[in-house]
Amino acid sequence: MALFPGFKKKRVRTSGATINLVTKGDGPPLLLLHGYPETHAMWHKIAPDLARDYTVVCADLRGYGDSSKPKGLPDHSNYSKRAMAKDMAEVMRALGHKSFHLAGHDRGARVAHRLARDHGNRVKSLTVLDIVPTLKMYASVNKGFATAYYHWFFLIQKPPLPEQLLAGHVPQYILGRLGRGKSGLRRFAPAAVREYVRAFRDPKCIHATCEDYRAAATIDLEHDRKDQRKKLQMPLLALWGKQGVIERYFDPLRDWREVASDVRGRALDCGHFLPEEKPREVLAALRRFLIRQQKELLFQAPAARLRPSHKTRLMNALQFEPENAA
């Protein structure tokens, strides 16, 4: 595992899938969820640093990477964000983590949003990268958004049309999605790109990821509408790319404040793939955010719950925390 030195690879069977993951560390648990068209490999630039102070878990979503890829049901419910979030709740429990911090990018952030809703008593904090809530995005469709995010409307078409059209075009399609920003593919590690291409050569992966989007356009919206009046209570950090669609067509802080009570965040000078384009900035913002959530633990919880090295590092970080940090 050259991308994740020292991490242990595991497979965890849940009630609906088998989830592939890597993990390292022995501090507070932190679950990282990837987006489309990627795998857990997208976290390789920041996970090793985080593992110095957190128990980091980087998992492949159901249908992605080396996790299992069940055939989609007629109502797409087995690729609903509720089902995919349940996978992760069960994974973290199987690993011994009753509660945990949570961060997700793109599709992983949508799974994280649902995980925070359905299992909010277990999620200490939520970080979402380059998304606003799914319901808001579908309700705000215009020509510019539909053109930039054409895949949202292509992948949801009735099977097997999208699957057949994508078959045989994986390298070009994947590279095109990754390299659509101003910097092209320069910010992406070749080893990570090879991993994304390898995963999407599997026809089952192509089908599963189409089902992810089909669920988002159908059953996920039903679930989200039922929850509209209930705001998330855990602290939420939103980061997004200044050069991307979210900045251009949405107001991320306002949109997240419609569904969550405690929201902060900012734009980074990059495109959609923040952890690979701006890893240092993402790492710094995420660390500041997590440190703030641990103040109560540091000063009120029994000392045994924190490793001495982690407690020292946390106190040092709090001492030099900028007042206007995201």
C-alpha atoms as a PDB file:
ATOM      1  CA  MET A   1       0.000   0.000   0.000  1.00  0.00           C
ATOM      2  CA  ALA A   2       2.409   2.626  -1.238  1.00  0.00           C
ATOM      3  CA  LEU A   3      -0.248   5.356  -1.042  1.00  0.00           C
ATOM      4  CA  PHE A   4      -0.964   4.560   2.634  1.00  0.00           C
ATOM      5  CA  PRO A   5       2.301   3.536   4.332  1.00  0.00           C
ATOM      6  CA  GLY A   6       1.733   1.701   7.587  1.00  0.00           C
ATOM      7  CA  PHE A   7      -2.030   1.429   7.147  1.00  0.00           C
ATOM      8  CA  LYS A   8      -3.764  -1.900   7.627  1.00  0.00           C
ATOM      9  CA  LYS A   9      -6.114  -3.127   4.934  1.00  0.00           C
ATOM     10  CA  LYS A  10      -9.362  -4.705   6.119  1.00  0.00           C
ATOM     11  CA  ARG A  11     -12.658  -5.978   4.734  1.00  0.00           C
ATOM     12  CA  VAL A  12     -15.752  -5.657   6.897  1.00  0.00           C
ATOM     13  CA  ARG A  13     -19.000  -7.445   6.130  1.00  0.00           C
ATOM     14  CA  THR A  14     -22.101  -5.339   6.802  1.00  0.00           C
ATOM     15  CA  SER A  15     -25.762  -6.291   6.581  1.00  0.00           C
ATOM     16  CA  GLY A  16     -25.828  -5.235   2.923  1.00  0.00           C
ATOM     17  CA  ALA A  17     -22.286  -5.248   1.535  1.00  0.00           C
ATOM     18  CA  THR A  18     -18.623  -5.987   2.163  1.00  0.00           C
ATOM     19  CA  ILE A  19     -16.618  -2.823   2.651  1.00  0.00           C
ATOM     20  CA  ASN A  20     -12.933  -2.443   1.796  1.00  0.00           C
ATOM     21  CA  LEU A  21     -10.931  -0.004   3.924  1.00  0.00           C
ATOM     22  CA  VAL A  22      -7.531   0.993   5.248  1.00  0.00           C
ATOM     23  CA  THR A  23      -6.945   2.217   8.785  1.00  0.00           C
ATOM     24  CA  LYS A  24      -4.179   3.509  11.023  1.00  0.00           C
ATOM     25  CA  GLY A  25      -3.751   5.371  14.297  1.00  0.00           C
ATOM     26  CA  ASP A  26      -5.035   5.164  17.861  1.00  0.00           C
ATOM     27  CA  GLY A  27      -6.505   8.600  18.574  1.00  0.00           C
ATOM     28  CA  PRO A  28     -10.135   9.760  18.213  1.00  0.00           C
ATOM     29  CA  PRO A  29     -11.800   7.934  15.281  1.00  0.00           C
ATOM     30  CA  LEU A  30     -12.141   9.798  11.972  1.00  0.00           C
ATOM     31  CA  LEU A  31     -13.970   8.277   8.986  1.00  0.00           C
ATOM     32  CA  LEU A  32     -13.065   9.620   5.518  1.00  0.00           C
ATOM     33  CA  LEU A  33     -15.383   8.934   2.554  1.00  0.00           C
ATOM     34  CA  HIS A  34     -14.399   9.464  -1.083  1.00  0.00           C
ATOM     35  CA  GLY A  35     -16.319  10.759  -4.076  1.00  0.00           C
ATOM     36  CA  TYR A  36     -16.904   9.935  -7.750  1.00  0.00           C
ATOM     37  CA  PRO A  37     -15.126   8.669  -9.814  1.00  0.00           C
ATOM     38  CA  GLU A  38     -12.584   7.748  -7.150  1.00  0.00           C
ATOM     39  CA  THR A  39     -11.867   5.344  -4.285  1.00  0.00           C
ATOM     40  CA  HIS A  40     -10.464   5.692  -0.775  1.00  0.00           C
ATOM     41  CA  ALA A  41      -7.121   6.411  -2.492  1.00  0.00           C
ATOM     42  CA  MET A  42      -8.164  10.064  -2.874  1.00  0.00           C
ATOM     43  CA  TRP A  43      -7.222  10.650   0.799  1.00  0.00           C
ATOM     44  CA  HIS A  44      -3.601   9.535   0.390  1.00  0.00           C
ATOM     45  CA  LYS A  45      -2.165  13.053   0.655  1.00  0.00           C
ATOM     46  CA  ILE A  46      -3.731  13.858   4.037  1.00  0.00           C
ATOM     47  CA  ALA A  47      -4.636  10.563   5.775  1.00  0.00           C
ATOM     48  CA  PRO A  48      -1.064   9.682   6.862  1.00  0.00           C
ATOM     49  CA  ASP A  49      -0.665  13.039   8.613  1.00  0.00           C
ATOM     50  CA  LEU A  50      -4.066  12.748  10.294  1.00  0.00           C
ATOM     51  CA  ALA A  51      -3.181   9.249  11.492  1.00  0.00           C
ATOM     52  CA  ARG A  52      -0.539  10.777  13.791  1.00  0.00           C
ATOM     53  CA  ASP A  53      -3.349  11.984  16.068  1.00  0.00           C
ATOM     54  CA  TYR A  54      -6.517  10.196  14.958  1.00  0.00           C
ATOM     55  CA  THR A  55      -7.640   6.672  14.207  1.00  0.00           C
ATOM     56  CA  VAL A  56      -8.183   7.232  10.506  1.00  0.00           C
ATOM     57  CA  VAL A  57     -10.495   4.973   8.507  1.00  0.00           C
ATOM     58  CA  CYS A  58     -10.564   5.421   4.708  1.00  0.00           C
ATOM     59  CA  ALA A  59     -13.302   3.246   3.207  1.00  0.00           C
ATOM     60  CA  ASP A  60     -14.504   2.428  -0.290  1.00  0.00           C
ATOM     61  CA  LEU A  61     -18.215   3.137  -0.577  1.00  0.00           C
ATOM     62  CA  ARG A  62     -20.528   0.294  -1.542  1.00  0.00           C
ATOM     63  CA  GLY A  63     -20.167  -0.122  -5.311  1.00  0.00           C
ATOM     64  CA  TYR A  64     -16.770   1.582  -5.503  1.00  0.00           C
ATOM     65  CA  GLY A  65     -13.149   0.463  -5.359  1.00  0.00           C
ATOM     66  CA  ASP A  66     -12.799  -2.985  -3.827  1.00  0.00           C
ATOM     67  CA  SER A  67     -16.039  -2.930  -1.850  1.00  0.00           C
ATOM     68  CA  SER A  68     -18.801  -5.261  -3.021  1.00  0.00           C
ATOM     69  CA  LYS A  69     -21.085  -4.212  -5.855  1.00  0.00           C
ATOM     70  CA  PRO A  70     -24.584  -5.679  -5.545  1.00  0.00           C
ATOM     71  CA  LYS A  71     -26.908  -5.410  -8.523  1.00  0.00           C
ATOM     72  CA  GLY A  72     -29.221  -2.438  -8.189  1.00  0.00           C
ATOM     73  CA  LEU A  73     -32.822  -2.988  -7.112  1.00  0.00           C
ATOM     74  CA  PRO A  74     -35.721  -1.582  -9.172  1.00  0.00           C
ATOM     75  CA  ASP A  75     -36.231   1.278  -6.681  1.00  0.00           C
ATOM     76  CA  HIS A  76     -32.442   1.814  -6.288  1.00  0.00           C
ATOM     77  CA  SER A  77     -32.843   1.483  -2.525  1.00  0.00           C
ATOM     78  CA  ASN A  78     -29.718  -0.620  -2.059  1.00  0.00           C
ATOM     79  CA  TYR A  79     -27.707   2.360  -3.350  1.00  0.00           C
ATOM     80  CA  SER A  80     -29.647   4.950  -1.395  1.00  0.00           C
ATOM     81  CA  LYS A  81     -27.474   7.125   0.792  1.00  0.00           C
ATOM     82  CA  ARG A  82     -29.365   5.594   3.709  1.00  0.00           C
ATOM     83  CA  ALA A  83     -28.137   2.100   2.778  1.00  0.00           C
ATOM     84  CA  MET A  84     -24.606   3.324   2.054  1.00  0.00           C
ATOM     85  CA  ALA A  85     -24.532   5.265   5.334  1.00  0.00           C
ATOM     86  CA  LYS A  86     -25.713   2.191   7.224  1.00  0.00           C
ATOM     87  CA  ASP A  87     -22.718   0.326   5.789  1.00  0.00           C
ATOM     88  CA  MET A  88     -20.389   2.879   7.329  1.00  0.00           C
ATOM     89  CA  ALA A  89     -22.180   2.955  10.681  1.00  0.00           C
ATOM     90  CA  GLU A  90     -21.819  -0.821  10.861  1.00  0.00           C
ATOM     91  CA  VAL A  91     -18.174  -0.679   9.744  1.00  0.00           C
ATOM     92  CA  MET A  92     -17.259   1.776  12.473  1.00  0.00           C
ATOM     93  CA  ARG A  93     -19.040  -0.288  15.105  1.00  0.00           C
ATOM     94  CA  ALA A  94     -17.266  -3.435  13.881  1.00  0.00           C
ATOM     95  CA  LEU A  95     -13.949  -1.596  14.263  1.00  0.00           C
ATOM     96  CA  GLY A  96     -14.851  -0.688  17.832  1.00  0.00           C
ATOM     97  CA  HIS A  97     -15.729   2.986  17.226  1.00  0.00           C
ATOM     98  CA  LYS A  98     -19.028   3.851  18.910  1.00  0.00           C
ATOM     99  CA  SER A  99     -18.723   7.533  17.972  1.00  0.00           C
ATOM    100  CA  PHE A 100     -16.485   9.273  15.451  1.00  0.00           C
ATOM    101  CA  HIS A 101     -15.711  12.361  13.412  1.00  0.00           C
ATOM    102  CA  LEU A 102     -16.800  12.202   9.778  1.00  0.00           C
ATOM    103  CA  ALA A 103     -15.607  13.823   6.551  1.00  0.00           C
ATOM    104  CA  GLY A 104     -16.644  13.218   2.967  1.00  0.00           C
ATOM    105  CA  HIS A 105     -16.011  14.542  -0.510  1.00  0.00           C
ATOM    106  CA  ASP A 106     -18.541  14.587  -3.361  1.00  0.00           C
ATOM    107  CA  ARG A 107     -20.614  11.342  -3.188  1.00  0.00           C
ATOM    108  CA  GLY A 108     -18.923  10.494   0.079  1.00  0.00           C
ATOM    109  CA  ALA A 109     -20.122  13.807   1.500  1.00  0.00           C
ATOM    110  CA  ARG A 110     -23.688  12.891   0.498  1.00  0.00           C
ATOM    111  CA  VAL A 111     -23.334   9.558   2.277  1.00  0.00           C
ATOM    112  CA  ALA A 112     -21.841  11.441   5.236  1.00  0.00           C
ATOM    113  CA  HIS A 113     -24.803  13.853   5.276  1.00  0.00           C
ATOM    114  CA  ARG A 114     -27.238  10.931   5.484  1.00  0.00           C
ATOM    115  CA  LEU A 115     -25.049   9.164   8.067  1.00  0.00           C
ATOM    116  CA  ALA A 116     -25.162  12.282  10.227  1.00  0.00           C
ATOM    117  CA  ARG A 117     -28.957  12.354   9.907  1.00  0.00           C
ATOM    118  CA  ASP A 118     -29.650   8.676  10.549  1.00  0.00           C
ATOM    119  CA  HIS A 119     -26.924   8.103  13.155  1.00  0.00           C
ATOM    120  CA  GLY A 120     -26.461  11.596  14.566  1.00  0.00           C
ATOM    121  CA  ASN A 121     -25.874  10.377  18.111  1.00  0.00           C
ATOM    122  CA  ARG A 122     -22.667   8.718  16.885  1.00  0.00           C
ATOM    123  CA  VAL A 123     -21.289  11.501  14.652  1.00  0.00           C
ATOM    124  CA  LYS A 124     -19.243  14.047  16.635  1.00  0.00           C
ATOM    125  CA  SER A 125     -18.628  16.407  13.722  1.00  0.00           C
ATOM    126  CA  LEU A 126     -19.282  16.525   9.983  1.00  0.00           C
ATOM    127  CA  THR A 127     -17.043  17.909   7.234  1.00  0.00           C
ATOM    128  CA  VAL A 128     -18.394  18.155   3.671  1.00  0.00           C
ATOM    129  CA  LEU A 129     -16.169  18.931   0.689  1.00  0.00           C
ATOM    130  CA  ASP A 130     -17.477  20.645  -2.453  1.00  0.00           C
ATOM    131  CA  ILE A 131     -21.168  19.879  -2.182  1.00  0.00           C
ATOM    132  CA  VAL A 132     -24.369  21.459  -0.976  1.00  0.00           C
ATOM    133  CA  PRO A 133     -27.349  19.275  -0.008  1.00  0.00           C
ATOM    134  CA  THR A 134     -28.664  17.072  -2.821  1.00  0.00           C
ATOM    135  CA  LEU A 135     -32.211  18.395  -2.528  1.00  0.00           C
ATOM    136  CA  LYS A 136     -30.963  21.976  -2.887  1.00  0.00           C
ATOM    137  CA  MET A 137     -28.914  21.092  -5.972  1.00  0.00           C
ATOM    138  CA  TYR A 138     -31.779  19.387  -7.796  1.00  0.00           C
ATOM    139  CA  ALA A 139     -34.134  22.231  -6.873  1.00  0.00           C
ATOM    140  CA  SER A 140     -31.678  24.772  -8.340  1.00  0.00           C
ATOM    141  CA  VAL A 141     -30.932  23.223 -11.726  1.00  0.00           C
ATOM    142  CA  ASN A 142     -30.198  25.672 -14.525  1.00  0.00           C
ATOM    143  CA  LYS A 143     -28.448  25.396 -17.886  1.00  0.00           C
ATOM    144  CA  GLY A 144     -25.000  26.152 -16.484  1.00  0.00           C
ATOM    145  CA  PHE A 145     -25.256  23.625 -13.694  1.00  0.00           C
ATOM    146  CA  ALA A 146     -26.687  20.932 -15.983  1.00  0.00           C
ATOM    147  CA  THR A 147     -23.907  21.506 -18.508  1.00  0.00           C
ATOM    148  CA  ALA A 148     -21.115  21.317 -15.930  1.00  0.00           C
ATOM    149  CA  TYR A 149     -22.647  18.365 -14.075  1.00  0.00           C
ATOM    150  CA  TYR A 150     -24.035  16.575 -17.138  1.00  0.00           C
ATOM    151  CA  HIS A 151     -23.127  13.227 -15.596  1.00  0.00           C
ATOM    152  CA  TRP A 152     -25.812  13.778 -12.938  1.00  0.00           C
ATOM    153  CA  PHE A 153     -28.421  13.478 -15.688  1.00  0.00           C
ATOM    154  CA  PHE A 154     -26.627  10.941 -17.881  1.00  0.00           C
ATOM    155  CA  LEU A 155     -25.914   8.334 -15.194  1.00  0.00           C
ATOM    156  CA  ILE A 156     -29.516   8.308 -13.924  1.00  0.00           C
ATOM    157  CA  GLN A 157     -30.946   7.148 -17.245  1.00  0.00           C
ATOM    158  CA  LYS A 158     -32.616   3.757 -17.344  1.00  0.00           C
ATOM    159  CA  PRO A 159     -30.178   0.834 -17.394  1.00  0.00           C
ATOM    160  CA  PRO A 160     -28.354  -0.451 -19.292  1.00  0.00           C
ATOM    161  CA  LEU A 161     -27.887   2.626 -21.518  1.00  0.00           C
ATOM    162  CA  PRO A 162     -25.324   4.545 -19.423  1.00  0.00           C
ATOM    163  CA  GLU A 163     -23.512   1.338 -18.516  1.00  0.00           C
ATOM    164  CA  GLN A 164     -23.201   0.300 -22.159  1.00  0.00           C
ATOM    165  CA  LEU A 165     -22.065   3.735 -23.302  1.00  0.00           C
ATOM    166  CA  LEU A 166     -19.364   3.884 -20.622  1.00  0.00           C
ATOM    167  CA  ALA A 167     -18.080   0.360 -21.253  1.00  0.00           C
ATOM    168  CA  GLY A 168     -14.769   0.491 -23.097  1.00  0.00           C
ATOM    169  CA  HIS A 169     -14.294   4.206 -22.426  1.00  0.00           C
ATOM    170  CA  VAL A 170     -13.130   4.026 -18.826  1.00  0.00           C
ATOM    171  CA  PRO A 171      -9.633   5.540 -19.067  1.00  0.00           C
ATOM    172  CA  GLN A 172     -10.734   8.478 -21.195  1.00  0.00           C
ATOM    173  CA  TYR A 173     -13.883   9.101 -19.155  1.00  0.00           C
ATOM    174  CA  ILE A 174     -12.169   8.869 -15.772  1.00  0.00           C
ATOM    175  CA  LEU A 175      -9.270  11.061 -16.830  1.00  0.00           C
ATOM    176  CA  GLY A 176     -11.710  13.563 -18.297  1.00  0.00           C
ATOM    177  CA  ARG A 177     -13.678  13.834 -15.058  1.00  0.00           C
ATOM    178  CA  LEU A 178     -10.555  14.153 -12.919  1.00  0.00           C
ATOM    179  CA  GLY A 179      -8.800  16.582 -15.215  1.00  0.00           C
ATOM    180  CA  ARG A 180     -11.667  18.984 -15.831  1.00  0.00           C
ATOM    181  CA  GLY A 181     -10.208  21.718 -13.596  1.00  0.00           C
ATOM    182  CA  LYS A 182      -7.726  24.413 -14.573  1.00  0.00           C
ATOM    183  CA  SER A 183      -4.748  22.360 -13.387  1.00  0.00           C
ATOM    184  CA  GLY A 184      -5.739  19.284 -15.379  1.00  0.00           C
ATOM    185  CA  LEU A 185      -4.172  16.120 -13.981  1.00  0.00           C
ATOM    186  CA  ARG A 186      -1.048  17.794 -12.592  1.00  0.00           C
ATOM    187  CA  ARG A 187      -2.299  17.624  -8.982  1.00  0.00           C
ATOM    188  CA  PHE A 188      -3.169  13.911  -9.115  1.00  0.00           C
ATOM    189  CA  ALA A 189      -0.672  11.225  -8.151  1.00  0.00           C
ATOM    190  CA  PRO A 190      -0.230   8.755 -11.049  1.00  0.00           C
ATOM    191  CA  ALA A 191      -0.585   5.834  -8.629  1.00  0.00           C
ATOM    192  CA  ALA A 192      -3.949   7.156  -7.450  1.00  0.00           C
ATOM    193  CA  VAL A 193      -5.187   7.715 -10.999  1.00  0.00           C
ATOM    194  CA  ARG A 194      -4.196   4.159 -11.914  1.00  0.00           C
ATOM    195  CA  GLU A 195      -6.237   2.961  -8.959  1.00  0.00           C
ATOM    196  CA  TYR A 196      -9.329   4.881 -10.099  1.00  0.00           C
ATOM    197  CA  VAL A 197      -9.009   3.538 -13.646  1.00  0.00           C
ATOM    198  CA  ARG A 198      -8.472  -0.021 -12.381  1.00  0.00           C
ATOM    199  CA  ALA A 199     -11.610   0.114 -10.260  1.00  0.00           C
ATOM    200  CA  PHE A 200     -13.792   1.465 -13.062  1.00  0.00           C
ATOM    201  CA  ARG A 201     -12.704  -1.189 -15.536  1.00  0.00           C
ATOM    202  CA  ASP A 202     -15.066  -3.506 -13.670  1.00  0.00           C
ATOM    203  CA  PRO A 203     -18.534  -3.401 -15.321  1.00  0.00           C
ATOM    204  CA  LYS A 204     -20.054  -3.996 -11.876  1.00  0.00           C
ATOM    205  CA  CYS A 205     -18.458  -0.753 -10.683  1.00  0.00           C
ATOM    206  CA  ILE A 206     -19.891   1.176 -13.612  1.00  0.00           C
ATOM    207  CA  HIS A 207     -23.366  -0.228 -12.873  1.00  0.00           C
ATOM    208  CA  ALA A 208     -23.067   0.389  -9.132  1.00  0.00           C
ATOM    209  CA  THR A 209     -22.008   4.008  -9.541  1.00  0.00           C
ATOM    210  CA  CYS A 210     -24.881   4.619 -11.960  1.00  0.00           C
ATOM    211  CA  GLU A 211     -27.166   3.216  -9.264  1.00  0.00           C
ATOM    212  CA  ASP A 212     -25.642   5.647  -6.760  1.00  0.00           C
ATOM    213  CA  TYR A 213     -26.758   8.531  -8.987  1.00  0.00           C
ATOM    214  CA  ARG A 214     -30.140   6.960  -9.776  1.00  0.00           C
ATOM    215  CA  ALA A 215     -30.805   6.684  -6.055  1.00  0.00           C
ATOM    216  CA  ALA A 216     -29.796  10.327  -5.577  1.00  0.00           C
ATOM    217  CA  ALA A 217     -32.406  11.439  -8.105  1.00  0.00           C
ATOM    218  CA  THR A 218     -35.210   9.326  -6.633  1.00  0.00           C
ATOM    219  CA  ILE A 219     -35.297   7.654  -3.223  1.00  0.00           C
ATOM    220  CA  ASP A 220     -32.674   9.944  -1.675  1.00  0.00           C
ATOM    221  CA  LEU A 221     -34.832  12.972  -2.435  1.00  0.00           C
ATOM    222  CA  GLU A 222     -37.775  11.287  -0.721  1.00  0.00           C
ATOM    223  CA  HIS A 223     -35.673  10.705   2.375  1.00  0.00           C
ATOM    224  CA  ASP A 224     -34.338  14.274   2.314  1.00  0.00           C
ATOM    225  CA  ARG A 225     -37.809  15.810   1.995  1.00  0.00           C
ATOM    226  CA  LYS A 226     -38.968  13.907   5.070  1.00  0.00           C
ATOM    227  CA  ASP A 227     -36.073  15.369   7.060  1.00  0.00           C
ATOM    228  CA  GLN A 228     -36.369  18.987   5.903  1.00  0.00           C
ATOM    229  CA  ARG A 229     -37.597  20.302   9.244  1.00  0.00           C
ATOM    230  CA  LYS A 230     -34.919  18.547  11.314  1.00  0.00           C
ATOM    231  CA  LYS A 231     -31.572  20.327  11.477  1.00  0.00           C
ATOM    232  CA  LEU A 232     -28.297  18.566  12.113  1.00  0.00           C
ATOM    233  CA  GLN A 233     -26.970  19.454  15.555  1.00  0.00           C
ATOM    234  CA  MET A 234     -23.286  18.443  15.316  1.00  0.00           C
ATOM    235  CA  PRO A 235     -20.723  21.056  14.170  1.00  0.00           C
ATOM    236  CA  LEU A 236     -20.399  21.152  10.382  1.00  0.00           C
ATOM    237  CA  LEU A 237     -17.459  22.368   8.281  1.00  0.00           C
ATOM    238  CA  ALA A 238     -18.044  23.076   4.581  1.00  0.00           C
ATOM    239  CA  LEU A 239     -15.106  23.556   2.205  1.00  0.00           C
ATOM    240  CA  TRP A 240     -15.451  24.040  -1.520  1.00  0.00           C
ATOM    241  CA  GLY A 241     -13.416  24.957  -4.577  1.00  0.00           C
ATOM    242  CA  LYS A 242     -13.378  28.596  -5.650  1.00  0.00           C
ATOM    243  CA  GLN A 243     -12.968  27.500  -9.282  1.00  0.00           C
ATOM    244  CA  GLY A 244     -15.854  25.034  -9.295  1.00  0.00           C
ATOM    245  CA  VAL A 245     -19.580  24.615  -9.776  1.00  0.00           C
ATOM    246  CA  ILE A 246     -20.482  24.937  -6.095  1.00  0.00           C
ATOM    247  CA  GLU A 247     -18.914  28.392  -5.896  1.00  0.00           C
ATOM    248  CA  ARG A 248     -20.438  29.443  -9.215  1.00  0.00           C
ATOM    249  CA  TYR A 249     -24.051  28.416  -8.705  1.00  0.00           C
ATOM    250  CA  PHE A 250     -24.636  28.029  -4.960  1.00  0.00           C
ATOM    251  CA  ASP A 251     -24.162  29.739  -1.600  1.00  0.00           C
ATOM    252  CA  PRO A 252     -22.662  26.877   0.432  1.00  0.00           C
ATOM    253  CA  LEU A 253     -22.808  28.419   3.901  1.00  0.00           C
ATOM    254  CA  ARG A 254     -26.377  29.607   3.452  1.00  0.00           C
ATOM    255  CA  ASP A 255     -27.432  26.289   1.900  1.00  0.00           C
ATOM    256  CA  TRP A 256     -25.910  24.217   4.708  1.00  0.00           C
ATOM    257  CA  ARG A 257     -27.414  26.483   7.352  1.00  0.00           C
ATOM    258  CA  GLU A 258     -30.816  25.500   6.011  1.00  0.00           C
ATOM    259  CA  VAL A 259     -30.176  21.926   7.186  1.00  0.00           C
ATOM    260  CA  ALA A 260     -27.664  22.320  10.051  1.00  0.00           C
ATOM    261  CA  SER A 261     -27.479  24.505  13.160  1.00  0.00           C
ATOM    262  CA  ASP A 262     -23.712  24.993  13.554  1.00  0.00           C
ATOM    263  CA  VAL A 263     -22.025  25.731  10.209  1.00  0.00           C
ATOM    264  CA  ARG A 264     -18.751  27.338   9.227  1.00  0.00           C
ATOM    265  CA  GLY A 265     -16.434  27.086   6.213  1.00  0.00           C
ATOM    266  CA  ARG A 266     -14.830  28.772   3.231  1.00  0.00           C
ATOM    267  CA  ALA A 267     -13.697  28.359  -0.361  1.00  0.00           C
ATOM    268  CA  LEU A 268     -10.222  27.150  -1.291  1.00  0.00           C
ATOM    269  CA  ASP A 269      -8.451  28.305  -4.447  1.00  0.00           C
ATOM    270  CA  CYS A 270      -8.883  25.108  -6.450  1.00  0.00           C
ATOM    271  CA  GLY A 271     -11.355  23.011  -8.386  1.00  0.00           C
ATOM    272  CA  HIS A 272     -13.546  20.130  -7.279  1.00  0.00           C
ATOM    273  CA  PHE A 273     -10.997  17.634  -5.924  1.00  0.00           C
ATOM    274  CA  LEU A 274      -9.851  19.533  -2.836  1.00  0.00           C
ATOM    275  CA  PRO A 275      -7.859  16.822  -1.008  1.00  0.00           C
ATOM    276  CA  GLU A 276      -5.710  16.224  -4.091  1.00  0.00           C
ATOM    277  CA  GLU A 277      -5.506  19.771  -5.435  1.00  0.00           C
ATOM    278  CA  LYS A 278      -4.993  21.573  -2.108  1.00  0.00           C
ATOM    279  CA  PRO A 279      -4.055  18.906   0.466  1.00  0.00           C
ATOM    280  CA  ARG A 280      -2.195  21.258   2.828  1.00  0.00           C
ATOM    281  CA  GLU A 281      -5.101  23.681   3.019  1.00  0.00           C
ATOM    282  CA  VAL A 282      -7.657  20.907   3.512  1.00  0.00           C
ATOM    283  CA  LEU A 283      -5.495  19.306   6.189  1.00  0.00           C
ATOM    284  CA  ALA A 284      -5.032  22.608   8.043  1.00  0.00           C
ATOM    285  CA  ALA A 285      -8.743  23.470   7.933  1.00  0.00           C
ATOM    286  CA  LEU A 286      -9.791  19.989   9.006  1.00  0.00           C
ATOM    287  CA  ARG A 287      -7.285  19.914  11.855  1.00  0.00           C
ATOM    288  CA  ARG A 288      -8.424  23.315  13.171  1.00  0.00           C
ATOM    289  CA  PHE A 289     -12.038  22.199  13.006  1.00  0.00           C
ATOM    290  CA  LEU A 290     -11.422  18.884  14.771  1.00  0.00           C
ATOM    291  CA  ILE A 291      -9.302  20.537  17.445  1.00  0.00           C
ATOM    292  CA  ARG A 292     -12.118  22.926  18.249  1.00  0.00           C
ATOM    293  CA  GLN A 293     -14.496  19.998  18.729  1.00  0.00           C
ATOM    294  CA  GLN A 294     -12.075  18.392  21.163  1.00  0.00           C
ATOM    295  CA  LYS A 295     -11.803  21.351  23.546  1.00  0.00           C
ATOM    296  CA  GLU A 296     -14.546  19.946  25.746  1.00  0.00           C
ATOM    297  CA  LEU A 297     -12.881  16.533  25.714  1.00  0.00           C
ATOM    298  CA  LEU A 298      -9.550  18.052  26.652  1.00  0.00           C
ATOM    299  CA  PHE A 299     -10.780  20.093  29.590  1.00  0.00           C
ATOM    300  CA  GLN A 300     -13.701  18.033  30.904  1.00  0.00           C
ATOM    301  CA  ALA A 301     -13.172  14.370  30.030  1.00  0.00           C
ATOM    302  CA  PRO A 302     -11.018  12.012  32.102  1.00  0.00           C
ATOM    303  CA  ALA A 303      -7.375  12.250  31.133  1.00  0.00           C
ATOM    304  CA  ALA A 304      -7.292   8.550  30.319  1.00  0.00           C
ATOM    305  CA  ARG A 305      -9.372   9.178  27.207  1.00  0.00           C
ATOM    306  CA  LEU A 306      -6.547  11.078  25.530  1.00  0.00           C
ATOM    307  CA  ARG A 307      -3.061   9.808  24.769  1.00  0.00           C
ATOM    308  CA  PRO A 308      -0.429  12.063  26.424  1.00  0.00           C
ATOM    309  CA  SER A 309       1.147  12.837  23.042  1.00  0.00           C
ATOM    310  CA  HIS A 310      -2.226  13.717  21.561  1.00  0.00           C
ATOM    311  CA  LYS A 311      -3.132  15.873  24.556  1.00  0.00           C
ATOM    312  CA  THR A 312       0.143  17.809  24.260  1.00  0.00           C
ATOM    313  CA  ARG A 313      -0.294  18.323  20.525  1.00  0.00           C
ATOM    314  CA  LEU A 314      -3.886  19.399  21.013  1.00  0.00           C
ATOM    315  CA  MET A 315      -2.967  21.943  23.691  1.00  0.00           C
ATOM    316  CA  ASN A 316      -0.247  23.389  21.469  1.00  0.00           C
ATOM    317  CA  ALA A 317      -2.628  23.657  18.553  1.00  0.00           C
ATOM    318  CA  LEU A 318      -5.267  25.373  20.679  1.00  0.00           C
ATOM    319  CA  GLN A 319      -2.692  27.870  21.919  1.00  0.00           C
ATOM    320  CA  PHE A 320      -1.873  29.004  18.376  1.00  0.00           C
ATOM    321  CA  GLU A 321      -5.311  28.638  16.807  1.00  0.00           C
ATOM    322  CA  PRO A 322      -6.144  31.699  14.667  1.00  0.00           C
ATOM    323  CA  GLU A 323      -9.299  33.493  15.768  1.00  0.00           C
ATOM    324  CA  ASN A 324     -10.659  33.708  12.211  1.00  0.00           C
ATOM    325  CA  ALA A 325      -9.835  30.144  11.176  1.00  0.00           C
ATOM    326  CA  ALA A 326     -12.491  28.361   9.139  1.00  0.00           C
END
